[in-house]
Amino acid sequence: MAQAILALLTSAHGVPAYGLIFGVLVACGLGLPLPEDVSLVTGGYLSYVGAVQFAAMLLVAFAGILAGDFLIFTAGRRYGCDFNRHGEGLVFAARFFPGLRAVTYFVAGASPMAAWRFLLFDGLAACVSAPVWMVLGRRLGRHLPDLLVWVERVHLGLLVAGGILVATSVVAVLRRSRRDPYRVSSFERATPESLVDGAP
């Protein structure tokens, strides 16, 4: 499936190319089995071969990234949980760890984090990642097959790093809970009685 999508993207030209890149990036945010970074590199490649304008494609890619991420964030609004005080930093960092993006953005949506704050920090991170991948696609367009192989390796490395980060965080939380067995989260403390005015 990924190869078919990639073949479709690389053969596109003009307005359809912009639409396809936008749609694929939105779908990537929702779980399409194609690395977002590959789509961005392909967008840069299309500007290299003259199929699109680089600046316009960068804006389209940026919009596609935010749209996909915001859909995940919005889905998280259905549920309530506690997203700690470092939430904005986690939203920014998750953009660089493919395996953590969707989960982090969903949890951010489930938290009290304002939508504008989510879009701000996600947008700042996208301002770093999107231009880097697209410039690589534009500058190294003649080596696209080798470049895509390298991008896949980077993607795999980031997935492993994200997994290690999650595992480390889980171990740290478990150790803290063992040291303080009476410690509970703010979600667990939110009993019906505590919501009544004047309740202790």
Protein backbone atom coordinates (compact mmCIF):
# COMPACT_ATOMS: atom_id res chain seq x y z
CA MET A 1 0.00 0.00 0.00
CA ALA A 2 2.78 2.42 0.93
CA GLN A 3 4.54 1.81 -2.39
CA ALA A 4 1.33 2.48 -4.33
CA ILE A 5 0.76 5.75 -2.45
CA LEU A 6 4.37 6.78 -3.03
CA ALA A 7 4.11 6.02 -6.75
CA LEU A 8 0.93 8.11 -6.95
CA LEU A 9 2.58 11.02 -5.15
CA THR A 10 5.73 11.07 -7.26
CA SER A 11 3.72 11.07 -10.51
CA ALA A 12 1.43 13.94 -9.49
CA HIS A 13 1.73 17.45 -10.92
CA GLY A 14 0.23 20.83 -10.13
CA VAL A 15 -2.97 21.18 -8.09
CA PRO A 16 -3.53 17.40 -7.75
CA ALA A 17 -0.03 17.10 -6.25
CA TYR A 18 -0.82 19.68 -3.58
CA GLY A 19 -4.12 17.95 -2.82
CA LEU A 20 -2.54 14.50 -2.61
CA ILE A 21 0.26 15.62 -0.29
CA PHE A 22 -2.26 17.41 1.94
CA GLY A 23 -4.56 14.39 2.04
CA VAL A 24 -1.77 11.91 2.70
CA LEU A 25 -0.34 14.03 5.53
CA VAL A 26 -3.78 14.25 7.16
CA ALA A 27 -4.15 10.48 6.77
CA CYS A 28 -0.65 9.95 8.20
CA GLY A 29 -1.75 11.80 11.32
CA LEU A 30 -4.69 9.39 11.56
CA GLY A 31 -2.57 6.26 11.21
CA LEU A 32 -1.90 5.74 7.49
CA PRO A 33 0.94 3.17 7.20
CA LEU A 34 3.28 5.65 5.52
CA PRO A 35 5.80 7.73 7.48
CA GLU A 36 4.93 11.41 7.48
CA ASP A 37 8.57 12.20 6.79
CA VAL A 38 8.42 10.24 3.52
CA SER A 39 5.47 12.36 2.40
CA LEU A 40 7.39 15.54 3.22
CA VAL A 41 10.48 14.36 1.35
CA THR A 42 8.25 13.51 -1.60
CA GLY A 43 6.78 17.01 -1.49
CA GLY A 44 10.31 18.40 -1.71
CA TYR A 45 11.08 16.03 -4.57
CA LEU A 46 8.05 17.27 -6.52
CA SER A 47 9.45 20.80 -6.29
CA TYR A 48 12.82 19.47 -7.49
CA VAL A 49 11.25 18.07 -10.68
CA GLY A 50 9.20 21.23 -11.19
CA ALA A 51 5.82 19.65 -10.48
CA VAL A 52 5.03 22.15 -7.69
CA GLN A 53 6.32 25.37 -6.17
CA PHE A 54 8.41 24.72 -3.07
CA ALA A 55 6.96 27.54 -0.93
CA ALA A 56 3.37 26.63 -1.80
CA MET A 57 4.02 22.94 -1.10
CA LEU A 58 5.59 23.81 2.24
CA LEU A 59 2.45 25.72 3.24
CA VAL A 60 0.23 22.85 2.06
CA ALA A 61 2.34 20.34 3.98
CA PHE A 62 2.23 22.48 7.10
CA ALA A 63 -1.57 22.68 6.85
CA GLY A 64 -1.83 18.92 6.31
CA ILE A 65 0.31 18.17 9.36
CA LEU A 66 -1.71 20.45 11.63
CA ALA A 67 -5.04 19.19 10.26
CA GLY A 68 -4.15 15.54 10.93
CA ASP A 69 -2.80 16.30 14.39
CA PHE A 70 -5.80 18.43 15.29
CA LEU A 71 -8.21 15.66 14.30
CA ILE A 72 -6.47 13.36 16.81
CA PHE A 73 -6.53 16.13 19.41
CA THR A 74 -10.25 16.69 18.81
CA ALA A 75 -10.97 12.98 19.18
CA GLY A 76 -9.31 13.10 22.58
CA ARG A 77 -11.83 15.71 23.71
CA ARG A 78 -14.35 12.89 24.27
CA TYR A 79 -12.43 11.66 27.29
CA GLY A 80 -11.03 13.24 30.44
CA CYS A 81 -7.61 12.68 31.95
CA ASP A 82 -4.75 14.52 33.56
CA PHE A 83 -2.07 15.77 31.13
CA ASN A 84 0.67 17.03 33.40
CA ARG A 85 2.13 20.51 33.56
CA HIS A 86 4.73 19.63 30.91
CA GLY A 87 2.00 19.00 28.34
CA GLU A 88 3.06 21.72 25.89
CA GLY A 89 6.64 20.44 25.87
CA LEU A 90 5.44 16.91 25.23
CA VAL A 91 3.31 18.08 22.29
CA PHE A 92 6.38 19.79 20.81
CA ALA A 93 8.68 16.80 21.40
CA ALA A 94 6.22 14.21 20.09
CA ARG A 95 6.48 15.63 16.56
CA PHE A 96 10.02 14.22 16.39
CA PHE A 97 9.05 10.74 17.64
CA PRO A 98 6.67 9.06 15.14
CA GLY A 99 5.61 6.33 17.54
CA LEU A 100 4.47 8.84 20.16
CA ARG A 101 2.67 11.45 18.05
CA ALA A 102 -0.86 10.08 17.83
CA VAL A 103 -0.98 8.91 21.45
CA THR A 104 0.43 12.18 22.78
CA TYR A 105 -1.94 14.31 20.71
CA PHE A 106 -4.93 12.19 21.70
CA VAL A 107 -4.05 12.52 25.40
CA ALA A 108 -3.51 16.26 24.92
CA GLY A 109 -7.02 16.49 23.51
CA ALA A 110 -8.37 14.52 26.46
CA SER A 111 -6.77 17.00 28.85
CA PRO A 112 -7.85 20.57 29.66
CA MET A 113 -5.21 21.91 27.24
CA ALA A 114 -6.67 24.69 25.10
CA ALA A 115 -6.85 23.98 21.37
CA TRP A 116 -4.89 27.13 20.54
CA ARG A 117 -2.04 26.06 22.82
CA PHE A 118 -1.93 22.65 21.16
CA LEU A 119 -1.84 24.21 17.68
CA LEU A 120 0.82 26.69 18.79
CA PHE A 121 3.29 24.11 20.09
CA ASP A 122 2.51 21.55 17.41
CA GLY A 123 2.91 24.28 14.81
CA LEU A 124 6.25 25.39 16.22
CA ALA A 125 7.53 21.82 16.01
CA ALA A 126 6.19 21.45 12.46
CA CYS A 127 8.06 24.65 11.52
CA VAL A 128 11.25 22.75 12.39
CA SER A 129 10.51 19.30 10.97
CA ALA A 130 8.61 20.04 7.75
CA PRO A 131 11.18 22.37 6.13
CA VAL A 132 14.06 20.00 6.97
CA TRP A 133 12.47 17.01 5.23
CA MET A 134 11.22 19.02 2.28
CA VAL A 135 14.60 20.69 1.70
CA LEU A 136 16.21 17.24 1.74
CA GLY A 137 13.73 16.08 -0.91
CA ARG A 138 14.41 19.13 -3.05
CA ARG A 139 18.20 19.12 -2.73
CA LEU A 140 18.64 15.36 -3.09
CA GLY A 141 15.78 14.72 -5.49
CA ARG A 142 17.97 12.96 -8.04
CA HIS A 143 18.79 10.37 -5.38
CA LEU A 144 15.17 9.86 -4.28
CA PRO A 145 15.23 6.02 -3.95
CA ASP A 146 18.34 6.09 -1.75
CA LEU A 147 17.00 9.06 0.18
CA LEU A 148 13.73 7.28 0.96
CA VAL A 149 15.62 4.23 2.21
CA TRP A 150 17.60 6.51 4.52
CA VAL A 151 14.41 8.23 5.72
CA GLU A 152 12.89 4.83 6.54
CA ARG A 153 15.96 4.01 8.63
CA VAL A 154 15.72 7.31 10.47
CA HIS A 155 12.02 6.64 11.04
CA LEU A 156 12.81 3.22 12.50
CA GLY A 157 15.47 4.72 14.74
CA LEU A 158 13.01 7.32 16.03
CA LEU A 159 10.43 4.60 16.69
CA VAL A 160 12.98 2.68 18.76
CA ALA A 161 14.00 5.85 20.60
CA GLY A 162 10.34 6.63 21.30
CA GLY A 163 9.79 3.12 22.63
CA ILE A 164 12.78 3.43 24.94
CA LEU A 165 11.51 6.81 26.13
CA VAL A 166 8.08 5.38 26.93
CA ALA A 167 9.56 2.35 28.69
CA THR A 168 11.85 4.57 30.76
CA SER A 169 8.92 6.80 31.74
CA VAL A 170 6.79 3.80 32.76
CA VAL A 171 9.61 2.40 34.91
CA ALA A 172 10.09 5.80 36.57
CA VAL A 173 6.37 6.07 37.36
CA LEU A 174 6.29 2.53 38.78
CA ARG A 175 9.28 3.24 40.99
CA ARG A 176 7.66 6.40 42.33
CA SER A 177 4.41 4.57 43.04
CA ARG A 178 6.27 1.86 44.96
CA ARG A 179 8.05 4.44 47.09
CA ASP A 180 4.76 6.18 47.84
CA PRO A 181 1.93 3.60 47.69
CA TYR A 182 -0.60 6.17 48.93
CA ARG A 183 0.10 8.59 46.10
CA VAL A 184 -2.82 8.88 43.68
CA SER A 185 -3.31 10.87 40.53
CA SER A 186 -5.52 13.95 40.33
CA PHE A 187 -7.94 11.90 38.23
CA GLU A 188 -8.27 9.33 41.02
CA ARG A 189 -8.81 12.09 43.59
CA ALA A 190 -11.67 13.57 41.55
CA THR A 191 -14.51 11.80 43.39
CA PRO A 192 -18.13 13.01 43.11
CA GLU A 193 -17.93 14.32 46.66
CA SER A 194 -14.92 16.48 45.82
CA LEU A 195 -16.90 18.22 43.12
CA VAL A 196 -19.53 19.44 45.60
CA ASP A 197 -19.00 23.01 46.77
CA GLY A 198 -17.50 23.11 50.17
CA ALA A 199 -16.32 19.48 50.14
CA PRO A 200 -12.83 18.93 51.63
